[in-house]
């Protein structure tokens, strides 16, 4: 009973927080925000080795004026924000682990860091960081958000940017004096920094994963023994790395008690799709995973297992869906909602029932290339073309309400019943307001 009470209070507090945050966002609609330009503070190009990579030299992009950009029009009651600012196509998104920031990279040679507190405002504040003589195709924030790493599309190497305080007390991001060594020989499919802050991962389509320390020293190279790797990622807990191709393979990255790298150990596989797995995602606690396959299904797995005791992950659900060559999948950190992209649109599913909750058509001007939930499961962001669309996670609200309604049926304590009823009503009011505001 005490556990049920604690869980109910936690769920109620979370939903009330979302409700208050939504209301606060409405009061900020008239606040003015601006993009902070810091390109003049970047060090001169000679601080880096700008020798062209032998197989490809980056092109100098001819960027159009803002008025020349053709904006793709899209509206929906659940659309929280459209983030404009990039002149080129946005190639990657990453939310910070504290929920305060969203970082994006584009082939316009810039990185932009957006404040999530401005999502519900009429204008959206961001910090702009320029990439000299190159552009980033991938980006990832460090756990403390004071560092980010990028994969340079032209030089084909990893570059680290660190936050610096200027003389006027403002902040900017400047590149480290040296880039990481060039070790990959094929397309890099993803990069990441472990939440533990102990290692960096780069993964290549030729089925190789490289683990680095934070200063560019090689820790380990993993041969995934797959024909090709379509995607790879670090688990949110920072304990595992995973790669997908024919199936999903997961390894544990082990460190000693004093923080020294020890070894990489094979943990478990996710098998069951009849065609290659092209994307996967973890829940916030790494206890659930979802996989998306070219066989036209997504699967939900219970990965909270003791692999050292030969326990295998449990398949919880298989759901049919529309899948295209560039489809992506995302799992909300609370594991309640799955998002699947298909071309320029996407669909949202309830993980408990497997039912389709929301369907969005023509969200972007081009195929969606990235999906990301924020750490609080409040927002879902997607990129494709030059704009970033941010949606309210309405299915997450509904799933939380369903969980509290189930608790209400089980409890006989009158105080708890009244508390749950009030929390359910508050959450439902917040959900209704999402649609009411759009209509007004």
Protein backbone atom coordinates (compact mmCIF):
# COMPACT_ATOMS: atom_id res chain seq x y z
CA UNK A 1 0.00 0.00 0.00
CA UNK A 2 2.83 2.41 0.88
CA UNK A 3 4.41 1.75 -2.53
CA UNK A 4 1.13 2.49 -4.31
CA UNK A 5 0.73 5.72 -2.37
CA UNK A 6 4.26 6.81 -3.23
CA UNK A 7 3.79 6.05 -6.91
CA UNK A 8 0.47 7.87 -7.00
CA UNK A 9 1.91 10.93 -5.34
CA UNK A 10 4.82 10.89 -7.76
CA UNK A 11 2.57 10.63 -10.80
CA UNK A 12 0.33 13.35 -9.48
CA UNK A 13 3.21 15.67 -8.79
CA UNK A 14 4.59 15.12 -12.27
CA UNK A 15 1.29 15.85 -13.95
CA UNK A 16 0.68 18.91 -11.82
CA UNK A 17 4.14 20.13 -12.77
CA UNK A 18 3.29 19.71 -16.43
CA UNK A 19 0.04 21.56 -15.94
CA UNK A 20 1.72 24.45 -14.16
CA UNK A 21 4.47 24.56 -16.79
CA UNK A 22 1.89 24.71 -19.56
CA UNK A 23 0.09 27.57 -17.84
CA UNK A 24 3.34 29.41 -17.28
CA UNK A 25 4.22 29.05 -20.94
CA UNK A 26 1.07 30.93 -21.93
CA UNK A 27 2.12 33.93 -19.83
CA UNK A 28 5.41 34.10 -21.70
CA UNK A 29 3.92 34.47 -25.16
CA UNK A 30 4.80 38.13 -25.42
CA UNK A 31 8.37 37.85 -24.15
CA UNK A 32 11.00 38.78 -26.71
CA UNK A 33 14.02 36.49 -27.24
CA UNK A 34 16.96 36.59 -29.57
CA UNK A 35 19.63 34.42 -31.15
CA UNK A 36 23.07 35.01 -29.67
CA UNK A 37 25.77 35.24 -32.32
CA UNK A 38 29.21 34.13 -31.15
CA UNK A 39 31.00 33.50 -34.42
CA UNK A 40 33.43 36.40 -33.82
CA UNK A 41 34.61 34.71 -30.63
CA UNK A 42 35.69 31.50 -32.35
CA UNK A 43 39.42 30.92 -32.69
CA UNK A 44 41.12 31.36 -36.05
CA UNK A 45 41.01 28.50 -38.50
CA UNK A 46 44.72 27.80 -38.17
CA UNK A 47 44.13 26.27 -34.72
CA UNK A 48 42.86 23.18 -36.54
CA UNK A 49 44.33 21.02 -39.23
CA UNK A 50 42.17 21.98 -42.20
CA UNK A 51 43.88 19.63 -44.65
CA UNK A 52 41.08 18.15 -46.82
CA UNK A 53 40.26 14.53 -46.13
CA UNK A 54 41.65 12.47 -49.03
CA UNK A 55 38.34 11.05 -50.21
CA UNK A 56 36.13 14.12 -49.99
CA UNK A 57 36.51 17.88 -49.66
CA UNK A 58 33.61 19.77 -48.07
CA UNK A 59 31.73 22.10 -50.33
CA UNK A 60 31.32 25.77 -49.47
CA UNK A 61 27.60 26.28 -49.05
CA UNK A 62 25.93 29.29 -50.66
CA UNK A 63 23.41 30.20 -47.97
CA UNK A 64 20.25 32.07 -49.01
CA UNK A 65 18.82 35.08 -47.24
CA UNK A 66 16.03 34.39 -44.79
CA UNK A 67 13.43 35.88 -47.12
CA UNK A 68 14.53 33.47 -49.85
CA UNK A 69 13.80 30.39 -47.76
CA UNK A 70 10.60 28.62 -48.68
CA UNK A 71 8.89 27.78 -45.38
CA UNK A 72 6.85 24.60 -45.19
CA UNK A 73 3.48 25.37 -43.60
CA UNK A 74 2.15 23.00 -40.93
CA UNK A 75 -0.31 23.37 -38.07
CA UNK A 76 -1.81 20.99 -35.53
CA UNK A 77 -3.44 21.36 -32.10
CA UNK A 78 -0.53 19.48 -30.51
CA UNK A 79 2.18 21.55 -32.18
CA UNK A 80 3.95 23.37 -29.34
CA UNK A 81 6.61 25.18 -31.39
CA UNK A 82 8.30 25.47 -34.75
CA UNK A 83 11.95 26.39 -34.37
CA UNK A 84 13.28 28.44 -37.29
CA UNK A 85 16.84 29.63 -37.61
CA UNK A 86 18.80 27.12 -39.63
CA UNK A 87 19.41 28.00 -43.28
CA UNK A 88 20.19 24.41 -44.25
CA UNK A 89 18.60 21.05 -43.49
CA UNK A 90 18.67 20.03 -39.84
CA UNK A 91 20.46 16.68 -39.59
CA UNK A 92 20.46 15.80 -35.87
CA UNK A 93 18.77 16.66 -32.55
CA UNK A 94 19.67 15.97 -28.93
CA UNK A 95 17.92 16.99 -25.71
CA UNK A 96 20.05 17.68 -22.65
CA UNK A 97 19.75 15.24 -19.75
CA UNK A 98 18.56 18.06 -17.46
CA UNK A 99 15.70 18.90 -19.84
CA UNK A 100 16.73 22.53 -20.27
CA UNK A 101 18.18 22.50 -23.79
CA UNK A 102 17.77 21.11 -27.27
CA UNK A 103 20.81 21.12 -29.56
CA UNK A 104 20.55 20.89 -33.35
CA UNK A 105 23.05 20.76 -36.18
CA UNK A 106 22.60 21.59 -39.84
CA UNK A 107 24.43 21.55 -43.15
CA UNK A 108 24.42 25.37 -42.92
CA UNK A 109 27.67 25.08 -40.88
CA UNK A 110 26.06 25.96 -37.55
CA UNK A 111 25.05 24.37 -34.27
CA UNK A 112 22.13 25.91 -32.38
CA UNK A 113 21.29 25.39 -28.72
CA UNK A 114 17.65 26.12 -27.88
CA UNK A 115 16.09 26.77 -24.48
CA UNK A 116 13.17 24.42 -23.83
CA UNK A 117 11.53 26.98 -21.51
CA UNK A 118 10.85 29.08 -24.63
CA UNK A 119 9.02 26.34 -26.52
CA UNK A 120 5.65 27.79 -25.48
CA UNK A 121 6.68 31.38 -26.25
CA UNK A 122 6.07 33.20 -29.51
CA UNK A 123 9.81 33.54 -30.13
CA UNK A 124 12.52 31.03 -29.41
CA UNK A 125 15.88 31.81 -27.90
CA UNK A 126 18.97 29.99 -29.13
CA UNK A 127 22.74 30.18 -29.04
CA UNK A 128 24.47 29.94 -32.44
CA UNK A 129 27.87 28.28 -32.85
CA UNK A 130 29.66 28.31 -36.21
CA UNK A 131 31.70 25.44 -37.66
CA UNK A 132 34.69 26.82 -39.57
CA UNK A 133 35.08 25.46 -43.14
CA UNK A 134 32.87 22.42 -42.47
CA UNK A 135 29.49 21.36 -41.16
CA UNK A 136 28.31 18.90 -38.52
CA UNK A 137 26.10 15.95 -39.42
CA UNK A 138 25.74 14.68 -35.83
CA UNK A 139 25.75 16.38 -32.43
CA UNK A 140 25.50 15.27 -28.79
CA UNK A 141 25.42 17.21 -25.51
CA UNK A 142 27.45 16.24 -22.45
CA UNK A 143 25.59 15.36 -19.21
CA UNK A 144 26.27 18.82 -17.73
CA UNK A 145 25.46 20.62 -21.03
CA UNK A 146 28.76 22.51 -20.83
CA UNK A 147 30.29 20.53 -23.70
CA UNK A 148 29.00 19.12 -26.97
CA UNK A 149 30.59 16.89 -29.57
CA UNK A 150 30.03 16.99 -33.32
CA UNK A 151 30.85 14.78 -36.27
CA UNK A 152 32.36 16.86 -39.06
CA UNK A 153 30.95 15.77 -42.41
CA UNK A 154 33.88 17.05 -44.46
CA UNK A 155 36.91 16.20 -42.32
CA UNK A 156 35.24 13.00 -41.05
CA UNK A 157 36.37 13.40 -37.48
CA UNK A 158 35.01 14.26 -34.05
CA UNK A 159 35.31 17.80 -32.70
CA UNK A 160 34.68 18.83 -29.10
CA UNK A 161 33.25 22.25 -28.18
CA UNK A 162 33.49 23.53 -24.62
CA UNK A 163 31.68 26.36 -22.86
CA UNK A 164 33.79 29.44 -22.13
CA UNK A 165 33.04 32.57 -20.15
CA UNK A 166 33.83 35.82 -21.94
CA UNK A 167 35.10 39.08 -20.46
CA UNK A 168 31.60 40.53 -20.53
CA UNK A 169 30.36 37.53 -18.47
CA UNK A 170 28.54 36.03 -21.47
CA UNK A 171 29.10 32.43 -22.50
CA UNK A 172 30.20 30.91 -25.78
CA UNK A 173 31.36 27.53 -27.06
CA UNK A 174 34.84 27.14 -28.52
CA UNK A 175 36.45 24.10 -30.15
CA UNK A 176 39.15 22.08 -28.42
CA UNK A 177 42.67 22.68 -29.82
CA UNK A 178 42.71 19.31 -31.60
CA UNK A 179 40.14 17.08 -33.23
CA UNK A 180 39.93 13.35 -32.52
CA UNK A 181 42.08 11.01 -34.68
CA UNK A 182 40.57 9.89 -37.99
CA UNK A 183 39.98 6.18 -37.46
CA UNK A 184 36.66 5.48 -39.22
CA UNK A 185 36.75 4.45 -42.87
CA UNK A 186 33.01 4.52 -43.67
CA UNK A 187 29.93 6.61 -42.86
CA UNK A 188 29.51 7.37 -39.15
CA UNK A 189 25.90 6.62 -38.14
CA UNK A 190 25.90 8.07 -34.63
CA UNK A 191 27.94 9.60 -31.82
CA UNK A 192 27.28 10.01 -28.11
CA UNK A 193 28.64 10.87 -24.67
CA UNK A 194 27.87 8.48 -21.80
CA UNK A 195 25.69 9.94 -19.05
CA UNK A 196 28.38 8.82 -16.61
CA UNK A 197 30.85 11.11 -18.39
CA UNK A 198 33.34 8.27 -18.73
CA UNK A 199 33.48 7.69 -22.49
CA UNK A 200 32.48 8.84 -25.97
CA UNK A 201 31.15 6.57 -28.72
CA UNK A 202 31.38 6.83 -32.49
CA UNK A 203 29.76 4.15 -34.65
CA UNK A 204 30.41 3.40 -38.30
CA UNK A 205 28.28 1.75 -40.98
CA UNK A 206 31.02 -0.83 -41.56
CA UNK A 207 29.97 -2.49 -38.27
CA UNK A 208 32.63 -0.86 -36.10
CA UNK A 209 32.05 0.97 -32.81
CA UNK A 210 34.90 2.96 -31.30
CA UNK A 211 34.98 3.99 -27.65
CA UNK A 212 37.13 6.97 -26.64
CA UNK A 213 38.03 8.70 -23.44
CA UNK A 214 37.02 12.35 -23.18
CA UNK A 215 40.31 13.53 -24.68
CA UNK A 216 40.40 11.41 -27.84
CA UNK A 217 42.35 8.41 -26.59
CA UNK A 218 41.17 5.05 -27.96
CA UNK A 219 39.63 2.82 -25.28
CA UNK A 220 38.23 -0.02 -27.40
CA UNK A 221 37.13 -0.94 -30.90
CA UNK A 222 34.11 -3.22 -31.18
CA UNK A 223 33.52 -5.40 -34.24
CA UNK A 224 29.75 -5.95 -34.23
CA UNK A 225 30.05 -8.89 -36.66
CA UNK A 226 27.15 -7.61 -38.72
CA UNK A 227 27.18 -6.99 -42.45
CA UNK A 228 26.43 -3.35 -41.81
CA UNK A 229 25.44 -1.19 -38.85
CA UNK A 230 22.39 0.96 -39.51
CA UNK A 231 22.44 2.69 -36.12
CA UNK A 232 24.17 2.60 -32.73
CA UNK A 233 23.67 4.37 -29.41
CA UNK A 234 24.69 4.60 -25.76
CA UNK A 235 22.02 3.68 -23.22
CA UNK A 236 20.77 6.60 -21.07
CA UNK A 237 22.26 4.97 -17.97
CA UNK A 238 25.69 5.05 -19.64
CA UNK A 239 26.24 1.36 -18.99
CA UNK A 240 25.59 -0.12 -22.44
CA UNK A 241 26.28 0.49 -26.11
CA UNK A 242 24.12 -1.13 -28.79
CA UNK A 243 24.16 -1.56 -32.56
CA UNK A 244 21.58 -2.76 -35.05
CA UNK A 245 21.75 -4.51 -38.39
CA UNK A 246 20.36 -7.99 -38.83
CA UNK A 247 19.36 -7.74 -35.16
CA UNK A 248 20.28 -5.64 -32.13
CA UNK A 249 23.44 -6.43 -30.18
CA UNK A 250 24.17 -4.90 -26.78
CA UNK A 251 27.48 -4.65 -24.90
CA UNK A 252 28.31 -3.49 -21.38
CA UNK A 253 31.17 -0.99 -21.06
CA UNK A 254 32.90 -1.88 -17.79
CA UNK A 255 35.01 0.38 -15.57
CA UNK A 256 36.89 -0.28 -12.35
CA UNK A 257 35.73 1.17 -9.04
CA UNK A 258 38.24 4.00 -9.42
CA UNK A 259 36.88 4.94 -12.86
CA UNK A 260 39.44 3.28 -15.12
CA UNK A 261 38.28 1.59 -18.31
CA UNK A 262 38.32 -2.20 -17.91
CA UNK A 263 36.65 -4.04 -20.81
CA UNK A 264 33.67 -4.39 -23.12
CA UNK A 265 31.47 -7.44 -22.49
CA UNK A 266 28.70 -8.82 -24.71
CA UNK A 267 25.44 -8.49 -22.76
CA UNK A 268 22.46 -9.64 -24.83
CA UNK A 269 20.78 -9.59 -28.24
CA UNK A 270 17.29 -8.61 -29.38
CA UNK A 271 16.15 -11.11 -31.99
CA UNK A 272 12.78 -11.77 -33.55
CA UNK A 273 12.32 -9.46 -36.55
CA UNK A 274 12.11 -11.14 -39.96
CA UNK A 275 14.05 -8.29 -41.65
CA UNK A 276 16.95 -6.06 -40.54
CA UNK A 277 16.45 -3.67 -37.65
CA UNK A 278 17.04 -0.12 -38.91
CA UNK A 279 16.57 1.79 -35.66
CA UNK A 280 16.09 1.31 -31.91
CA UNK A 281 15.70 3.39 -28.75
CA UNK A 282 16.03 3.06 -24.96
CA UNK A 283 13.71 4.25 -22.20
CA UNK A 284 15.11 6.73 -19.70
CA UNK A 285 16.07 4.04 -17.18
CA UNK A 286 17.34 1.66 -19.91
CA UNK A 287 14.88 -1.01 -18.71
CA UNK A 288 12.88 -0.93 -21.95
CA UNK A 289 13.92 -0.87 -25.59
CA UNK A 290 12.00 -0.54 -28.84
CA UNK A 291 13.16 -1.80 -32.23
CA UNK A 292 11.95 -0.82 -35.70
CA UNK A 293 12.39 -3.19 -38.61
CA UNK A 294 11.95 -3.24 -42.34
CA UNK A 295 9.50 -6.09 -41.77
CA UNK A 296 6.91 -3.39 -40.97
CA UNK A 297 6.75 -3.80 -37.19
CA UNK A 298 8.06 -2.28 -34.02
CA UNK A 299 8.72 -4.36 -30.91
CA UNK A 300 8.84 -3.41 -27.24
CA UNK A 301 11.31 -5.29 -25.01
CA UNK A 302 11.87 -5.65 -21.28
CA UNK A 303 15.66 -5.34 -20.98
CA UNK A 304 15.77 -5.18 -17.17
CA UNK A 305 17.52 -8.55 -16.98
CA UNK A 306 20.62 -10.03 -15.36
CA UNK A 307 22.51 -11.13 -18.45
CA UNK A 308 25.33 -12.55 -16.29
CA UNK A 309 22.78 -15.10 -15.07
CA UNK A 310 21.86 -15.92 -18.67
CA UNK A 311 18.57 -14.04 -18.52
CA UNK A 312 17.28 -12.94 -21.92
CA UNK A 313 15.20 -9.83 -22.65
CA UNK A 314 11.44 -10.35 -22.77
CA UNK A 315 9.38 -9.41 -25.82
CA UNK A 316 6.40 -7.43 -24.53
CA UNK A 317 4.63 -6.35 -27.70
CA UNK A 318 4.78 -6.42 -31.51
CA UNK A 319 2.87 -3.75 -33.46
CA UNK A 320 2.49 -3.32 -37.22
CA UNK A 321 3.35 0.10 -38.65
CA UNK A 322 4.30 1.90 -41.84
CA UNK A 323 8.06 1.81 -42.40
CA UNK A 324 10.14 3.56 -45.06
CA UNK A 325 13.86 3.55 -45.77
CA UNK A 326 14.53 6.54 -43.51
CA UNK A 327 12.06 5.69 -40.73
CA UNK A 328 13.09 6.43 -37.15
CA UNK A 329 11.70 5.34 -33.79
CA UNK A 330 11.78 7.04 -30.37
CA UNK A 331 10.64 5.84 -26.94
CA UNK A 332 9.55 8.36 -24.32
CA UNK A 333 11.78 8.24 -21.22
CA UNK A 334 8.84 7.00 -19.12
CA UNK A 335 8.32 4.20 -21.69
CA UNK A 336 4.65 5.11 -22.19
CA UNK A 337 4.78 6.33 -25.82
CA UNK A 338 6.47 5.19 -29.04
CA UNK A 339 6.93 7.57 -31.98
CA UNK A 340 7.61 6.24 -35.50
CA UNK A 341 8.42 8.42 -38.49
CA UNK A 342 7.45 7.48 -42.03
CA UNK A 343 8.52 9.87 -44.76
CA UNK A 344 7.38 13.40 -43.83
CA UNK A 345 4.92 12.21 -41.17
CA UNK A 346 4.90 10.29 -37.93
CA UNK A 347 2.64 8.23 -35.67
CA UNK A 348 2.46 7.90 -31.87
CA UNK A 349 1.51 4.69 -30.06
CA UNK A 350 0.58 3.74 -26.50
CA UNK A 351 3.09 1.11 -25.37
CA UNK A 352 0.68 -0.58 -22.96
CA UNK A 353 -2.05 -1.24 -25.52
CA UNK A 354 -0.09 -0.88 -28.76
CA UNK A 355 -2.88 1.35 -30.08
CA UNK A 356 -2.21 4.23 -32.45
CA UNK A 357 -2.88 7.45 -30.50
CA UNK A 358 -1.90 10.26 -32.87
CA UNK A 359 -1.03 10.54 -36.57
CA UNK A 360 0.67 13.56 -38.14
CA UNK A 361 0.91 14.03 -41.92
CA UNK A 362 3.30 16.30 -43.86
CA UNK A 363 5.00 17.51 -40.70
CA UNK A 364 8.19 18.40 -42.56
CA UNK A 365 9.09 19.50 -46.08
CA UNK A 366 11.41 16.49 -46.41
CA UNK A 367 11.72 13.06 -44.80
CA UNK A 368 12.06 13.17 -41.02
CA UNK A 369 15.66 12.34 -40.14
CA UNK A 370 15.54 12.50 -36.34
CA UNK A 371 13.07 12.09 -33.47
CA UNK A 372 13.69 12.90 -29.80
CA UNK A 373 11.67 13.07 -26.58
CA UNK A 374 12.79 15.41 -23.82
CA UNK A 375 13.82 13.83 -20.51
CA UNK A 376 10.48 14.68 -18.86
CA UNK A 377 8.42 13.07 -21.66
CA UNK A 378 6.62 16.41 -22.18
CA UNK A 379 7.76 17.14 -25.72
CA UNK A 380 8.61 15.28 -28.92
CA UNK A 381 10.87 17.04 -31.42
CA UNK A 382 11.47 16.07 -35.05
CA UNK A 383 13.67 17.39 -37.83
CA UNK A 384 13.42 17.20 -41.62
CA UNK A 385 14.19 20.14 -43.86
CA UNK A 386 15.14 23.44 -42.20
CA UNK A 387 12.54 23.56 -39.40
CA UNK A 388 12.33 21.73 -36.10
CA UNK A 389 8.80 20.82 -34.98
CA UNK A 390 8.10 20.35 -31.27
CA UNK A 391 4.90 18.56 -30.19
CA UNK A 392 3.08 18.19 -26.91
CA UNK A 393 3.19 14.53 -25.86
CA UNK A 394 -0.59 14.19 -25.46
CA UNK A 395 -0.49 10.35 -25.53
CA UNK A 396 1.83 10.55 -22.52
CA UNK A 397 -0.77 12.63 -20.65
CA UNK A 398 -3.47 10.08 -21.50
CA UNK A 399 -1.29 7.15 -20.42
CA UNK A 400 -0.53 8.81 -17.07
CA UNK A 401 -4.25 9.42 -16.54
CA UNK A 402 -4.97 5.77 -17.31
CA UNK A 403 -2.35 4.68 -14.78
CA UNK A 404 -3.94 6.85 -12.05
CA UNK A 405 -7.42 5.60 -12.95
CA UNK A 406 -6.15 2.04 -12.50
CA UNK A 407 -4.77 2.99 -9.08
CA UNK A 408 -8.10 4.58 -8.18
CA UNK A 409 -9.87 1.29 -8.85
CA UNK A 410 -7.49 -0.60 -6.59
CA UNK A 411 -7.35 1.66 -3.54
CA UNK A 412 -9.93 1.67 -0.74
CA UNK A 413 -8.39 4.57 1.17
CA UNK A 414 -10.76 7.55 0.96
CA UNK A 415 -8.01 10.17 1.23
CA UNK A 416 -6.09 8.48 -1.56
CA UNK A 417 -9.24 8.27 -3.69
CA UNK A 418 -9.89 11.99 -3.33
CA UNK A 419 -6.26 12.81 -4.10
CA UNK A 420 -6.23 10.64 -7.20
CA UNK A 421 -9.55 12.05 -8.41
CA UNK A 422 -8.20 15.59 -8.11
CA UNK A 423 -4.95 14.69 -9.87
CA UNK A 424 -6.86 12.98 -12.68
CA UNK A 425 -9.07 16.05 -13.11
CA UNK A 426 -6.08 18.41 -13.13
CA UNK A 427 -4.30 16.28 -15.71
CA UNK A 428 -7.40 16.06 -17.90
CA UNK A 429 -7.85 19.85 -17.70
CA UNK A 430 -4.25 20.33 -18.81
CA UNK A 431 -4.80 17.94 -21.72
CA UNK A 432 -8.02 19.70 -22.75
CA UNK A 433 -6.24 23.07 -22.64
CA UNK A 434 -3.75 21.90 -25.27
CA UNK A 435 -6.56 21.62 -27.80
CA UNK A 436 -8.55 24.61 -26.52
CA UNK A 437 -5.59 26.96 -26.96
CA UNK A 438 -5.11 25.78 -30.54
CA UNK A 439 -8.75 26.44 -31.40
CA UNK A 440 -8.64 29.94 -29.94
